[in-house]
Amino acid sequence: MNIVLGITGSIAAYKACTLIRQFVKQGHEVQVVITPAGKEFITPITLSALTSKPVISDFFSQRDGTWHSHVDLGLWADAMVIAPATASTIGKMAHGIADNMLITTYLSMKAPVFIAPAMDLDMWAHPATQENLQLLRQRGVTVIEPASGELASHLVGKGRMEEPEKISEFVLGHLTSHETSKALSGRRILITAGPTYERIDPVRFIGNYSSGKMGYALAEECARRGADVQLVSGPVQCTTSLPGITVTHVESAQEMWEAASHLFPTTDAGILCAAVADFTPDQVNDTKIKREGDGLVLRLKPTQDIARGLGEMKREDQRLVGFALETHDELPHAQEKLRRKNLDFIVLNSLQDKGAGFQHDTNKVTIVTPTTQIPYPLKSKKEVACDIINHLVSIL
């Protein structure tokens, strides 16, 4: 495995030597990228001796035009670990201030990124630092909390960087269990994502605020685990280029039902993440409705219930996962939906939870099964996707 290790200007920089030894001892290649401030705490010669690679610090290595490509580093790496990560570097990462080689490498990184913050308690507790960390979490960066070694969404520790042994254990364990696992190899998974648009006339529709981010995160997580993913997507701005994902674009609830019901019989599982409209106009005008009179009355009719329809089609060897976004009486509504639609489990979230639901990069969910409820803290949607797929894998 190829690991880019970023080192910043903290007294904890000396611990990077132990972290390098941990990675190298387990057979991984390490390329150090250090900030100018980091070199004030530890010498590149020491780091180069441990990695057997020249340390990268500046954009240009010589005065003859030779330069280091942050883009090539982003493609080479299987993971990027920044340890120690100072408050300054965290702020630059959060806001895209690419004024050194380390930040440009981060911005070009295609692989998972981990940071191990190191600073005093007051700096760690400052609202600006916590807001910057939250921004990074929302973008999929894994924060190894100070003095805990575990991912958490609340303030823990005293700002001291976690010990190198625990950092390496956490990073390699995370990559092994979540990124390189092929538990879904040979499996075919149907996923629906995004909203549906129910046309009123050629320029107006009934819709909702779903962004599709959760459904696309699920599709990518399944693909990373080796699945053949059939993604039926409503109108969204999301895109994906991961191999193993075939996207069918639809607009209305009827189109989504036709696509999903056609694909479901050939799959091992379906994950119904789309926010499908419950009603559609009884009549659709062929021309734009003009603004006339005192008002407009729309008569609506129910759409096809996709979850219930697939639940009726489901075979014994198939699994079906639903989603429930509620505003009140969340658990009873989810349990009733689970039973009525013949689902194996349902992912429940509430609009009452800050940072959850439509348009957010984060989500807070509870997995509800016929016998249990498993609550999770607020996480990035990529991390929520991992939790959901872990549960799906356990019952396939």
Foldseek 3Di string as FASTA:
>chain_A
DEEEEEEEQDLQSVLVLVLLCVQVVVPYQYAYEYEPNRCVNPPQVSVCVSRVDRHHWAQAPDPPPHGDDLLVVQVPHQEYEYPAQELVNLLCLLVVVPPISVSSNVVNHPHAYEYFYADFQVSCPDPVSLVSVVSVQLVRHFYLYAPPLDGDNDDDDGRHTHRSVSVNVSVVVCCVVQQQAQLAAPFEEEEEFEKAWFAQEPPHTDIDQAQRLLRVLLQVSNVSNHYQYEYEYEDHPDDDDRPNYDYDYDHALVVSLVVCVVPVVVGQEYEYHYPHDQKHFPDHDHHDDDDDDDDDDTDIDGGDPNLLVVLVVDDPRHAYEEEDEEAPPFPVVLLVCCVNSNHQKYWYFYPVDPQDDGPHQKHWTWIGGNVDIRGDGIGGSSVVSSVVVVVVSVVD
